[in-house]
Every structure is written in structure tokens, then in C-alpha cells.
Amino acid sequence: MNDTRRLTTIDTAMHTQAQRRLTRRRRFWLAIGLCLALGLAVQRMYQVRLVWINLSPSAPRGLYIRQFAPEITGGSYVIFPVPPRVHTLVASWGWPDDALLLKPVAGLPGDTVCITNGVVTINTRHAAVHLDALTTRYGLPHTLGCFALGLEDIFVLSTHHPRSFDGRYFGPTHREDITAVVRPLLIEGGY
């Protein structure tokens, strides 16, 4: 009889914990849903996009939210249209004309970026690998050599995925081309 009571008590405790976890999950997803609904309502009223969904492997997959009046620093995530110099190329891949890219900032005005011998360096520090085979296979533009970023330039580079289509293939991005600066809101693997 004692064993039966103990089992009943354990079952009840486990059931209660499971209910709490389920309630927390429901509240979490309800909060996410409400944030998205509010974001969409504001977006519709003011014609300002607040939330982006990233499904590309070149940055953590998930939801990103716009930052207003942010300073762009190394590591900031920026959203910008496909640069004109590679527009025809990405169109041949089936990308829409209004495709936007979400990339982390790796180089800032005054930094020196070098792409030589398959290696990308920023201010002489190893930043990533430049895959020459990809450049040839997919007809990616060649941005080789060293260049200093101008006062209105940034260099986007993702180390999240080794084959990211970023500044190592299309060069610097002008600040005026940036649609938004965003930060992760809810991404794969947490944040």
C-alpha cells in the first residue's frame, strides 16, 4: 500500500511539472505570436518593416527585429538588397529581383580587407576562407587583393556558413544601401 501511495505521489508530481512546462511553452509562443501580430500591425500602419525571418544558413535561422537609430558596429546584422554588380548572377540562380540579404558586419570604415591566396583578412587578422572553386563554379565575381573601406563602406562577412554569399565575393557594401540594422529576436539554438 505504501508503494502505491508513493507511485501516485510521483505520478502526480511528474504530471504537475509537465503541465507547468506546457503552460510556459504556451505562454512563450503566445508572446511571440502577439509580438508578431503587433509588429505586423505597426508595419502595416507606418509602412515600416519591423521583423524579418531568416531561413538562409549564412546567419542563424530565425526572427530578427529592427533596431531604430543603431550604430553599426562589428558584429551588427544588416539587411540590404543584392548589390547591383551581382544582380544578374543571382537572378540566374532564381532569386527574386527584390531579394534582401541579412549579413553580419565584419569590417568598418578605415579597415583594410585583403582577399589573397584563398584567405580573407581584415586588418591583417584571419577572418574567413575565400573559396576559389565556388568563384569559378558559380561564376562569382572576383574581389581579390587588398582595399581600404571608405567612410561610407562596411564589409559583410559570415563565418556561420563556409559558403556564405557575402562581401568576400561582392566587395564592400555602402551604408546608404542598408535597409535595416537588426538583432536576433528568436533564433535556432537560442539567443
C-alpha atoms as a PDB file:
ATOM      1  CA  MET A   1       0.000   0.000   0.000  1.00  0.00           C
ATOM      2  CA  ASN A   2       2.872   2.380   0.773  1.00  0.00           C
ATOM      3  CA  ASP A   3       4.355   1.715  -2.657  1.00  0.00           C
ATOM      4  CA  THR A   4       1.048   2.580  -4.318  1.00  0.00           C
ATOM      5  CA  ARG A   5       0.864   5.927  -2.497  1.00  0.00           C
ATOM      6  CA  ARG A   6       4.471   6.690  -3.382  1.00  0.00           C
ATOM      7  CA  LEU A   7       3.837   5.933  -7.075  1.00  0.00           C
ATOM      8  CA  THR A   8       0.680   8.036  -7.044  1.00  0.00           C
ATOM      9  CA  THR A   9       2.597  10.941  -5.473  1.00  0.00           C
ATOM     10  CA  ILE A  10       5.419  10.624  -8.026  1.00  0.00           C
ATOM     11  CA  ASP A  11       2.917  10.413 -10.916  1.00  0.00           C
ATOM     12  CA  THR A  12       1.094  13.491  -9.633  1.00  0.00           C
ATOM     13  CA  ALA A  13       4.369  15.447  -9.247  1.00  0.00           C
ATOM     14  CA  MET A  14       5.546  14.489 -12.749  1.00  0.00           C
ATOM     15  CA  HIS A  15       2.160  15.388 -14.227  1.00  0.00           C
ATOM     16  CA  THR A  16       2.264  18.790 -12.463  1.00  0.00           C
ATOM     17  CA  GLN A  17       5.797  19.500 -13.789  1.00  0.00           C
ATOM     18  CA  ALA A  18       4.744  18.540 -17.304  1.00  0.00           C
ATOM     19  CA  GLN A  19       1.716  20.837 -17.065  1.00  0.00           C
ATOM     20  CA  ARG A  20       3.942  23.745 -15.907  1.00  0.00           C
ATOM     21  CA  ARG A  21       6.351  23.199 -18.816  1.00  0.00           C
ATOM     22  CA  LEU A  22       3.443  23.063 -21.250  1.00  0.00           C
ATOM     23  CA  THR A  23       1.958  26.240 -19.765  1.00  0.00           C
ATOM     24  CA  ARG A  24       5.331  28.034 -20.032  1.00  0.00           C
ATOM     25  CA  ARG A  25       5.690  26.928 -23.672  1.00  0.00           C
ATOM     26  CA  ARG A  26       2.184  28.109 -24.465  1.00  0.00           C
ATOM     27  CA  ARG A  27       2.873  31.485 -22.843  1.00  0.00           C
ATOM     28  CA  PHE A  28       6.165  31.780 -24.748  1.00  0.00           C
ATOM     29  CA  TRP A  29       4.535  31.062 -28.130  1.00  0.00           C
ATOM     30  CA  LEU A  30       1.582  33.278 -27.278  1.00  0.00           C
ATOM     31  CA  ALA A  31       4.017  36.115 -26.518  1.00  0.00           C
ATOM     32  CA  ILE A  32       5.849  35.501 -29.806  1.00  0.00           C
ATOM     33  CA  GLY A  33       2.524  35.464 -31.660  1.00  0.00           C
ATOM     34  CA  LEU A  34       1.407  38.700 -30.026  1.00  0.00           C
ATOM     35  CA  CYS A  35       4.756  40.369 -30.816  1.00  0.00           C
ATOM     36  CA  LEU A  36       4.474  39.309 -34.447  1.00  0.00           C
ATOM     37  CA  ALA A  37       0.860  40.497 -34.663  1.00  0.00           C
ATOM     38  CA  LEU A  38       1.787  43.841 -33.119  1.00  0.00           C
ATOM     39  CA  GLY A  39       4.810  44.113 -35.412  1.00  0.00           C
ATOM     40  CA  LEU A  40       2.696  43.390 -38.467  1.00  0.00           C
ATOM     41  CA  ALA A  41       0.065  45.927 -37.377  1.00  0.00           C
ATOM     42  CA  VAL A  42       2.702  48.645 -36.879  1.00  0.00           C
ATOM     43  CA  GLN A  43       4.362  47.636 -40.124  1.00  0.00           C
ATOM     44  CA  ARG A  44       1.065  47.994 -41.975  1.00  0.00           C
ATOM     45  CA  MET A  45       0.149  51.328 -40.317  1.00  0.00           C
ATOM     46  CA  TYR A  46       3.523  53.024 -40.705  1.00  0.00           C
ATOM     47  CA  GLN A  47       4.912  51.149 -43.703  1.00  0.00           C
ATOM     48  CA  VAL A  48       7.998  50.241 -41.663  1.00  0.00           C
ATOM     49  CA  ARG A  49       9.108  46.653 -41.557  1.00  0.00           C
ATOM     50  CA  LEU A  50       9.922  45.563 -38.013  1.00  0.00           C
ATOM     51  CA  VAL A  51      10.548  41.836 -38.241  1.00  0.00           C
ATOM     52  CA  TRP A  52      12.460  39.669 -40.700  1.00  0.00           C
ATOM     53  CA  ILE A  53      12.635  35.900 -40.914  1.00  0.00           C
ATOM     54  CA  ASN A  54      15.994  34.479 -41.956  1.00  0.00           C
ATOM     55  CA  LEU A  55      15.997  30.996 -43.470  1.00  0.00           C
ATOM     56  CA  SER A  56      19.467  31.258 -45.024  1.00  0.00           C
ATOM     57  CA  PRO A  57      22.269  29.231 -43.428  1.00  0.00           C
ATOM     58  CA  SER A  58      24.691  32.170 -43.648  1.00  0.00           C
ATOM     59  CA  ALA A  59      23.305  33.631 -40.398  1.00  0.00           C
ATOM     60  CA  PRO A  60      21.480  31.914 -37.548  1.00  0.00           C
ATOM     61  CA  ARG A  61      17.998  30.977 -38.758  1.00  0.00           C
ATOM     62  CA  GLY A  62      15.098  32.676 -37.015  1.00  0.00           C
ATOM     63  CA  LEU A  63      13.395  36.005 -36.317  1.00  0.00           C
ATOM     64  CA  TYR A  64      15.270  39.306 -36.401  1.00  0.00           C
ATOM     65  CA  ILE A  65      13.890  42.622 -35.197  1.00  0.00           C
ATOM     66  CA  ARG A  66      14.732  46.096 -36.498  1.00  0.00           C
ATOM     67  CA  GLN A  67      16.836  48.371 -34.328  1.00  0.00           C
ATOM     68  CA  PHE A  68      15.994  52.041 -34.578  1.00  0.00           C
ATOM     69  CA  ALA A  69      18.825  54.618 -34.728  1.00  0.00           C
ATOM     70  CA  PRO A  70      21.512  51.985 -34.173  1.00  0.00           C
ATOM     71  CA  GLU A  71      25.215  52.456 -34.527  1.00  0.00           C
ATOM     72  CA  ILE A  72      26.663  49.946 -36.948  1.00  0.00           C
ATOM     73  CA  THR A  73      29.470  48.062 -35.242  1.00  0.00           C
ATOM     74  CA  GLY A  74      31.407  44.907 -35.937  1.00  0.00           C
ATOM     75  CA  GLY A  75      29.017  42.010 -35.419  1.00  0.00           C
ATOM     76  CA  SER A  76      25.869  44.062 -36.175  1.00  0.00           C
ATOM     77  CA  TYR A  77      23.459  42.344 -38.525  1.00  0.00           C
ATOM     78  CA  VAL A  78      22.405  44.396 -41.537  1.00  0.00           C
ATOM     79  CA  ILE A  79      19.788  43.868 -44.229  1.00  0.00           C
ATOM     80  CA  PHE A  80      20.390  45.202 -47.730  1.00  0.00           C
ATOM     81  CA  PRO A  81      19.368  44.464 -51.320  1.00  0.00           C
ATOM     82  CA  VAL A  82      21.528  42.320 -53.531  1.00  0.00           C
ATOM     83  CA  PRO A  83      24.331  44.587 -54.836  1.00  0.00           C
ATOM     84  CA  PRO A  84      23.766  45.677 -58.474  1.00  0.00           C
ATOM     85  CA  ARG A  85      27.114  44.213 -59.572  1.00  0.00           C
ATOM     86  CA  VAL A  86      25.820  40.680 -58.815  1.00  0.00           C
ATOM     87  CA  HIS A  87      22.125  41.177 -59.629  1.00  0.00           C
ATOM     88  CA  THR A  88      22.278  39.319 -62.952  1.00  0.00           C
ATOM     89  CA  LEU A  89      24.142  36.441 -61.323  1.00  0.00           C
ATOM     90  CA  VAL A  90      21.622  35.914 -58.508  1.00  0.00           C
ATOM     91  CA  ALA A  91      18.744  36.286 -60.977  1.00  0.00           C
ATOM     92  CA  SER A  92      20.242  33.309 -62.847  1.00  0.00           C
ATOM     93  CA  TRP A  93      20.013  31.386 -59.548  1.00  0.00           C
ATOM     94  CA  GLY A  94      16.276  32.116 -59.452  1.00  0.00           C
ATOM     95  CA  TRP A  95      16.390  34.807 -56.767  1.00  0.00           C
ATOM     96  CA  PRO A  96      13.632  37.450 -56.961  1.00  0.00           C
ATOM     97  CA  ASP A  97      14.514  40.964 -58.116  1.00  0.00           C
ATOM     98  CA  ASP A  98      13.780  42.401 -54.679  1.00  0.00           C
ATOM     99  CA  ALA A  99      15.806  39.825 -52.708  1.00  0.00           C
ATOM    100  CA  LEU A 100      17.348  41.096 -49.489  1.00  0.00           C
ATOM    101  CA  LEU A 101      20.455  39.775 -47.753  1.00  0.00           C
ATOM    102  CA  LEU A 102      20.969  39.540 -43.989  1.00  0.00           C
ATOM    103  CA  LYS A 103      24.658  39.500 -43.054  1.00  0.00           C
ATOM    104  CA  PRO A 104      26.888  40.321 -40.088  1.00  0.00           C
ATOM    105  CA  VAL A 105      29.247  43.289 -40.331  1.00  0.00           C
ATOM    106  CA  ALA A 106      32.919  42.310 -40.160  1.00  0.00           C
ATOM    107  CA  GLY A 107      34.678  45.434 -41.478  1.00  0.00           C
ATOM    108  CA  LEU A 108      34.088  49.113 -40.757  1.00  0.00           C
ATOM    109  CA  PRO A 109      35.248  52.373 -42.369  1.00  0.00           C
ATOM    110  CA  GLY A 110      39.045  52.582 -42.366  1.00  0.00           C
ATOM    111  CA  ASP A 111      39.568  48.808 -42.075  1.00  0.00           C
ATOM    112  CA  THR A 112      41.754  47.078 -44.636  1.00  0.00           C
ATOM    113  CA  VAL A 113      40.342  43.938 -46.217  1.00  0.00           C
ATOM    114  CA  CYS A 114      42.581  41.550 -48.133  1.00  0.00           C
ATOM    115  CA  ILE A 115      41.460  38.566 -50.190  1.00  0.00           C
ATOM    116  CA  THR A 116      44.522  36.676 -51.316  1.00  0.00           C
ATOM    117  CA  ASN A 117      45.517  33.027 -51.673  1.00  0.00           C
ATOM    118  CA  GLY A 118      42.070  31.852 -50.623  1.00  0.00           C
ATOM    119  CA  VAL A 119      42.138  33.749 -47.321  1.00  0.00           C
ATOM    120  CA  VAL A 120      40.163  36.808 -46.209  1.00  0.00           C
ATOM    121  CA  THR A 121      41.872  39.055 -43.653  1.00  0.00           C
ATOM    122  CA  ILE A 122      40.601  42.220 -42.009  1.00  0.00           C
ATOM    123  CA  ASN A 123      43.333  44.447 -40.579  1.00  0.00           C
ATOM    124  CA  THR A 124      45.745  41.504 -41.035  1.00  0.00           C
ATOM    125  CA  ARG A 125      43.590  39.157 -38.899  1.00  0.00           C
ATOM    126  CA  HIS A 126      42.327  35.946 -40.493  1.00  0.00           C
ATOM    127  CA  ALA A 127      38.562  36.348 -40.985  1.00  0.00           C
ATOM    128  CA  ALA A 128      37.451  33.591 -43.358  1.00  0.00           C
ATOM    129  CA  VAL A 129      38.301  31.442 -46.331  1.00  0.00           C
ATOM    130  CA  HIS A 130      37.631  32.559 -49.899  1.00  0.00           C
ATOM    131  CA  LEU A 131      36.548  29.508 -51.882  1.00  0.00           C
ATOM    132  CA  ASP A 132      38.130  29.948 -55.301  1.00  0.00           C
ATOM    133  CA  ALA A 133      36.383  26.772 -56.512  1.00  0.00           C
ATOM    134  CA  LEU A 134      32.995  28.353 -55.736  1.00  0.00           C
ATOM    135  CA  THR A 135      34.011  31.515 -57.540  1.00  0.00           C
ATOM    136  CA  THR A 136      34.769  29.528 -60.674  1.00  0.00           C
ATOM    137  CA  ARG A 137      31.898  27.028 -60.403  1.00  0.00           C
ATOM    138  CA  TYR A 138      29.122  29.572 -59.794  1.00  0.00           C
ATOM    139  CA  GLY A 139      30.558  32.475 -61.731  1.00  0.00           C
ATOM    140  CA  LEU A 140      31.013  34.566 -58.600  1.00  0.00           C
ATOM    141  CA  PRO A 141      32.797  37.874 -59.115  1.00  0.00           C
ATOM    142  CA  HIS A 142      36.460  38.034 -58.247  1.00  0.00           C
ATOM    143  CA  THR A 143      37.198  40.543 -55.491  1.00  0.00           C
ATOM    144  CA  LEU A 144      40.864  39.849 -54.969  1.00  0.00           C
ATOM    145  CA  GLY A 145      43.645  41.940 -53.478  1.00  0.00           C
ATOM    146  CA  CYS A 146      43.545  44.492 -50.666  1.00  0.00           C
ATOM    147  CA  PHE A 147      41.329  47.521 -50.268  1.00  0.00           C
ATOM    148  CA  ALA A 148      40.589  50.042 -47.525  1.00  0.00           C
ATOM    149  CA  LEU A 149      36.961  50.612 -46.648  1.00  0.00           C
ATOM    150  CA  GLY A 150      35.805  54.164 -47.311  1.00  0.00           C
ATOM    151  CA  LEU A 151      33.943  56.377 -44.839  1.00  0.00           C
ATOM    152  CA  GLU A 152      30.574  55.100 -46.084  1.00  0.00           C
ATOM    153  CA  ASP A 153      31.554  51.453 -46.577  1.00  0.00           C
ATOM    154  CA  ILE A 154      31.188  48.324 -44.486  1.00  0.00           C
ATOM    155  CA  PHE A 155      32.294  44.781 -45.217  1.00  0.00           C
ATOM    156  CA  VAL A 156      29.800  41.984 -44.562  1.00  0.00           C
ATOM    157  CA  LEU A 157      31.178  38.520 -43.920  1.00  0.00           C
ATOM    158  CA  SER A 158      29.530  35.477 -42.408  1.00  0.00           C
ATOM    159  CA  THR A 159      31.530  32.819 -40.654  1.00  0.00           C
ATOM    160  CA  HIS A 160      28.309  30.977 -39.782  1.00  0.00           C
ATOM    161  CA  HIS A 161      28.442  29.048 -43.063  1.00  0.00           C
ATOM    162  CA  PRO A 162      31.633  28.498 -45.094  1.00  0.00           C
ATOM    163  CA  ARG A 163      29.886  29.087 -48.444  1.00  0.00           C
ATOM    164  CA  SER A 164      28.080  32.274 -47.470  1.00  0.00           C
ATOM    165  CA  PHE A 165      27.474  34.651 -50.359  1.00  0.00           C
ATOM    166  CA  ASP A 166      28.864  37.852 -48.860  1.00  0.00           C
ATOM    167  CA  GLY A 167      31.475  40.587 -49.195  1.00  0.00           C
ATOM    168  CA  ARG A 168      34.259  38.117 -49.971  1.00  0.00           C
ATOM    169  CA  TYR A 169      32.546  37.692 -53.361  1.00  0.00           C
ATOM    170  CA  PHE A 170      30.871  41.044 -53.993  1.00  0.00           C
ATOM    171  CA  GLY A 171      33.102  43.504 -52.112  1.00  0.00           C
ATOM    172  CA  PRO A 172      32.119  46.324 -49.748  1.00  0.00           C
ATOM    173  CA  THR A 173      28.559  47.465 -49.057  1.00  0.00           C
ATOM    174  CA  HIS A 174      27.681  51.163 -48.935  1.00  0.00           C
ATOM    175  CA  ARG A 175      25.886  52.390 -45.800  1.00  0.00           C
ATOM    176  CA  GLU A 176      23.220  54.072 -47.936  1.00  0.00           C
ATOM    177  CA  ASP A 177      22.273  50.646 -49.315  1.00  0.00           C
ATOM    178  CA  ILE A 178      21.428  49.267 -45.878  1.00  0.00           C
ATOM    179  CA  THR A 179      17.700  48.746 -45.454  1.00  0.00           C
ATOM    180  CA  ALA A 180      17.855  47.999 -41.725  1.00  0.00           C
ATOM    181  CA  VAL A 181      20.060  47.061 -38.821  1.00  0.00           C
ATOM    182  CA  VAL A 182      18.542  44.123 -36.961  1.00  0.00           C
ATOM    183  CA  ARG A 183      19.235  41.951 -33.972  1.00  0.00           C
ATOM    184  CA  PRO A 184      18.223  38.358 -33.327  1.00  0.00           C
ATOM    185  CA  LEU A 185      14.893  38.014 -31.543  1.00  0.00           C
ATOM    186  CA  LEU A 186      14.375  34.256 -31.673  1.00  0.00           C
ATOM    187  CA  ILE A 187      16.934  32.088 -33.440  1.00  0.00           C
ATOM    188  CA  GLU A 188      17.820  28.431 -33.790  1.00  0.00           C
ATOM    189  CA  GLY A 189      19.866  27.285 -30.850  1.00  0.00           C
ATOM    190  CA  GLY A 190      18.520  30.093 -28.628  1.00  0.00           C
ATOM    191  CA  TYR A 191      19.794  33.584 -28.030  1.00  0.00           C
END
